[in-house]
Protein backbone atom coordinates (compact mmCIF):
# COMPACT_ATOMS: atom_id res chain seq x y z
CA MET A 1 -14.95 -13.84 -4.64
CA ASN A 2 -15.26 -11.56 -7.75
CA THR A 3 -13.34 -11.94 -10.52
CA ASN A 4 -14.42 -9.57 -13.04
CA ASN A 5 -11.73 -7.27 -13.42
CA GLN A 6 -13.40 -4.11 -15.30
CA ASN A 7 -14.20 -2.10 -11.40
CA THR A 8 -10.93 -3.72 -9.76
CA ALA A 9 -6.75 -1.57 -9.24
CA LEU A 10 -4.20 -3.41 -7.43
CA MET A 11 -2.85 -0.60 -4.50
CA VAL A 12 0.89 -0.69 -4.49
CA MET A 13 1.67 1.35 -1.37
CA ASP A 14 4.55 2.54 0.66
CA MET A 15 7.13 0.30 -1.36
CA GLN A 16 9.49 2.95 -0.86
CA THR A 17 13.65 2.40 -0.69
CA ALA A 18 13.86 3.73 2.48
CA MET A 19 10.38 1.35 3.73
CA ILE A 20 11.89 -1.77 1.86
CA GLY A 21 14.79 -1.26 3.88
CA MET A 22 13.16 -2.01 7.46
CA LEU A 23 12.41 -5.47 6.01
CA PRO A 24 14.57 -8.29 7.25
CA ALA A 25 16.66 -9.52 4.90
CA GLY A 26 15.90 -12.56 2.32
CA ASP A 27 12.10 -10.99 2.56
CA ASP A 28 10.38 -11.57 -1.12
CA THR A 29 8.00 -8.93 -0.90
CA SER A 30 8.94 -7.12 -2.99
CA GLY A 31 9.46 -10.01 -5.30
CA ASN A 32 5.75 -10.97 -4.83
CA ILE A 33 4.91 -7.08 -5.39
CA ALA A 34 6.33 -7.48 -8.73
CA LYS A 35 4.74 -11.11 -9.51
CA ALA A 36 1.40 -8.92 -9.07
CA ILE A 37 2.55 -5.95 -10.90
CA ALA A 38 3.25 -7.66 -13.87
CA TYR A 39 -0.42 -9.68 -13.76
CA ALA A 40 -1.98 -6.13 -13.32
CA ARG A 41 -0.89 -4.59 -16.00
CA ALA A 42 -1.01 -7.72 -18.55
CA ASN A 43 -4.60 -7.84 -17.64
CA ASN A 44 -4.95 -4.46 -17.83
CA ILE A 45 -5.37 -3.88 -14.32
CA PRO A 46 -4.86 -0.17 -13.29
CA VAL A 47 -2.01 -0.42 -10.97
CA ILE A 48 -2.58 2.44 -8.52
CA PHE A 49 0.91 3.23 -6.26
CA VAL A 50 0.44 4.90 -2.70
CA VAL A 51 4.02 6.71 -0.73
CA ILE A 52 3.76 8.63 2.38
CA GLY A 53 5.03 12.16 1.62
CA PHE A 54 5.62 15.13 3.56
CA ARG A 55 6.89 18.89 2.37
CA ASN A 56 10.58 19.50 3.60
CA GLY A 57 10.31 20.21 7.22
CA MET A 58 7.20 17.93 7.52
CA PRO A 59 4.46 20.57 8.77
CA GLU A 60 2.06 18.44 8.27
CA VAL A 61 3.14 16.31 11.03
CA SER A 62 1.83 17.56 14.47
CA PRO A 63 3.61 16.73 17.85
CA ASN A 64 0.25 15.29 19.22
CA ASN A 65 0.77 12.55 16.32
CA LYS A 66 3.61 9.77 17.89
CA GLY A 67 4.59 8.20 15.00
CA PHE A 68 5.06 10.33 12.38
CA SER A 69 6.36 13.09 15.23
CA ALA A 70 9.60 10.50 15.87
CA SER A 71 10.25 10.45 11.87
CA LYS A 72 9.97 14.37 11.85
CA ALA A 73 12.43 14.68 14.76
CA ARG A 74 14.43 12.66 12.12
CA LEU A 75 13.99 13.82 8.79
CA GLY A 76 12.33 17.16 9.48
CA THR A 77 15.46 19.31 8.41
CA GLY A 78 16.02 16.83 5.09
CA ASN A 79 14.63 16.97 2.01
CA THR A 80 12.01 14.07 2.14
CA ASP A 81 12.34 14.11 -1.65
CA GLU A 82 14.39 10.23 -1.21
CA LEU A 83 12.06 9.67 1.32
CA MET A 84 9.44 9.47 -1.33
CA LYS A 85 11.37 7.54 -3.93
CA ILE A 86 9.40 3.79 -5.28
CA ASP A 87 12.01 1.12 -4.98
CA ALA A 88 13.20 -0.15 -8.54
CA THR A 89 11.66 -3.31 -8.09
CA VAL A 90 8.26 -2.40 -8.48
CA ALA A 91 8.34 1.04 -10.08
CA PRO A 92 5.88 2.35 -11.65
CA LEU A 93 5.58 3.37 -15.47
CA PRO A 94 5.20 6.73 -16.38
CA SER A 95 1.61 6.70 -17.19
CA GLU A 96 0.93 4.97 -13.98
CA ILE A 97 -0.73 7.24 -11.18
CA ILE A 98 1.05 7.63 -7.68
CA VAL A 99 -0.92 8.95 -5.11
CA THR A 100 0.92 10.80 -1.70
CA LYS A 101 -0.96 10.13 1.45
CA ARG A 102 -0.08 11.87 4.29
CA ARG A 103 -0.52 9.91 7.20
CA TYR A 104 -1.00 5.94 7.54
CA SER A 105 -4.06 5.02 5.55
CA ALA A 106 -3.98 5.34 1.68
CA PHE A 107 -7.08 7.75 1.94
CA THR A 108 -5.94 9.84 4.82
CA GLY A 109 -4.36 13.51 3.57
CA SER A 110 -4.39 12.31 -0.42
CA ASP A 111 -7.04 12.18 -3.84
CA LEU A 112 -7.16 8.40 -3.35
CA GLU A 113 -10.77 8.33 -3.74
CA VAL A 114 -11.35 11.19 -6.28
CA VAL A 115 -8.79 8.73 -8.67
CA LEU A 116 -10.82 5.31 -7.56
CA ARG A 117 -14.20 7.13 -8.56
CA SER A 118 -13.17 8.61 -11.30
CA GLN A 119 -12.28 5.42 -12.76
CA GLY A 120 -15.08 3.02 -11.83
CA LEU A 121 -12.66 1.18 -9.22
CA GLN A 122 -14.54 -0.36 -6.72
CA HIS A 123 -12.61 -3.94 -5.79
CA LEU A 124 -9.08 -2.78 -4.29
CA ILE A 125 -6.28 -5.35 -4.63
CA LEU A 126 -3.42 -4.22 -1.24
CA THR A 127 -0.08 -4.76 -1.27
CA GLY A 128 2.55 -2.50 0.44
CA ILE A 129 4.92 -2.15 4.25
CA SER A 130 3.65 -2.32 6.98
CA THR A 131 0.47 -4.72 7.10
CA SER A 132 0.10 -3.47 10.37
CA GLY A 133 0.13 0.16 9.04
CA VAL A 134 -0.96 1.11 5.71
CA VAL A 135 -2.41 -2.14 4.81
CA LEU A 136 -4.35 -2.22 7.59
CA SER A 137 -5.31 1.50 8.28
CA THR A 138 -6.74 1.37 4.55
CA LEU A 139 -8.32 -1.62 4.58
CA ARG A 140 -10.25 0.40 7.74
CA GLU A 141 -10.84 2.96 5.84
CA ALA A 142 -11.77 1.71 2.81
CA ILE A 143 -14.33 -1.12 3.83
CA ASP A 144 -15.64 1.58 5.64
CA LYS A 145 -16.58 3.23 2.39
CA ASP A 146 -18.05 0.13 0.83
CA TYR A 147 -14.80 -1.39 -1.42
CA GLN A 148 -14.55 -4.89 -2.12
CA ILE A 149 -10.81 -5.56 -0.75
CA THR A 150 -8.80 -8.70 -1.31
CA VAL A 151 -5.24 -8.20 0.92
CA LEU A 152 -2.45 -10.43 -0.93
CA SER A 153 -1.00 -11.76 2.10
CA ASP A 154 2.58 -12.48 0.60
CA GLY A 155 2.65 -9.25 -0.75
CA CYS A 156 2.69 -7.40 2.37
CA ALA A 157 4.79 -6.87 5.19
CA ASP A 158 5.33 -6.20 8.38
CA GLY A 159 8.42 -5.72 10.31
CA ASP A 160 6.76 -7.93 13.19
CA PRO A 161 6.16 -11.13 11.56
CA GLU A 162 3.87 -12.28 14.24
CA VAL A 163 2.10 -9.20 13.77
CA HIS A 164 1.60 -9.61 10.45
CA ARG A 165 0.84 -13.27 10.65
CA VAL A 166 -2.29 -12.28 13.23
CA LEU A 167 -3.57 -9.75 10.84
CA THR A 168 -3.13 -11.64 7.86
CA THR A 169 -5.30 -15.03 9.08
CA LYS A 170 -7.65 -13.64 11.65
CA VAL A 171 -8.18 -10.03 11.59
CA PHE A 172 -8.19 -9.27 7.28
CA PRO A 173 -10.63 -12.45 6.75
CA ARG A 174 -13.48 -10.62 8.76
CA HIS A 175 -13.47 -8.15 6.03
CA ALA A 176 -11.79 -9.15 3.08
CA GLU A 177 -10.71 -12.05 1.18
CA VAL A 178 -7.11 -12.81 1.71
CA MET A 179 -4.89 -14.85 -0.78
CA THR A 180 -1.61 -15.34 -2.09
CA VAL A 181 0.13 -13.54 -5.11
CA ALA A 182 -0.13 -16.95 -6.38
CA GLU A 183 -3.69 -17.81 -6.06
CA TRP A 184 -4.84 -14.29 -7.17
CA ILE A 185 -2.84 -14.94 -10.87
CA LYS A 186 -5.02 -17.80 -10.80
CA LEU A 187 -8.07 -16.81 -10.88
């Protein structure tokens, strides 16, 4: 494990109020991510926020995309600005970067890769909702792009706890370091 924080960024993904509302009551993912953010800021590790976002009417969503077309049917006529609000428990500072993506992966339809390259960032610490959505998709694309990846297992959550468990204990360790927020803070 590379503990050099000079090329490291904490990725806080899809921590929008609407997404957090889908988690079971009592889930402490937001609190764990808030601890990771505080640690990153105290140690000069950039925190990059990633949100899923669409234009009003969601013209980016194809009827061929099963996952997003269901959302378009529910949200397509409303104002999507409300959907994009990052929850106050993990709110970015005015100086922190917010990347808007158009699909599950933080890279797809966003300028994330340009931001990472311009900052010399090669080690990504992944957090967010959901484990089987943004975290899995971003991890897969990031490893194909040769980034070093760490997943904070208690800084991720999924609507299905068993899916979260399988991903963080069986799938992710093949490609990334997996640890808790407390373990990362101790490094």
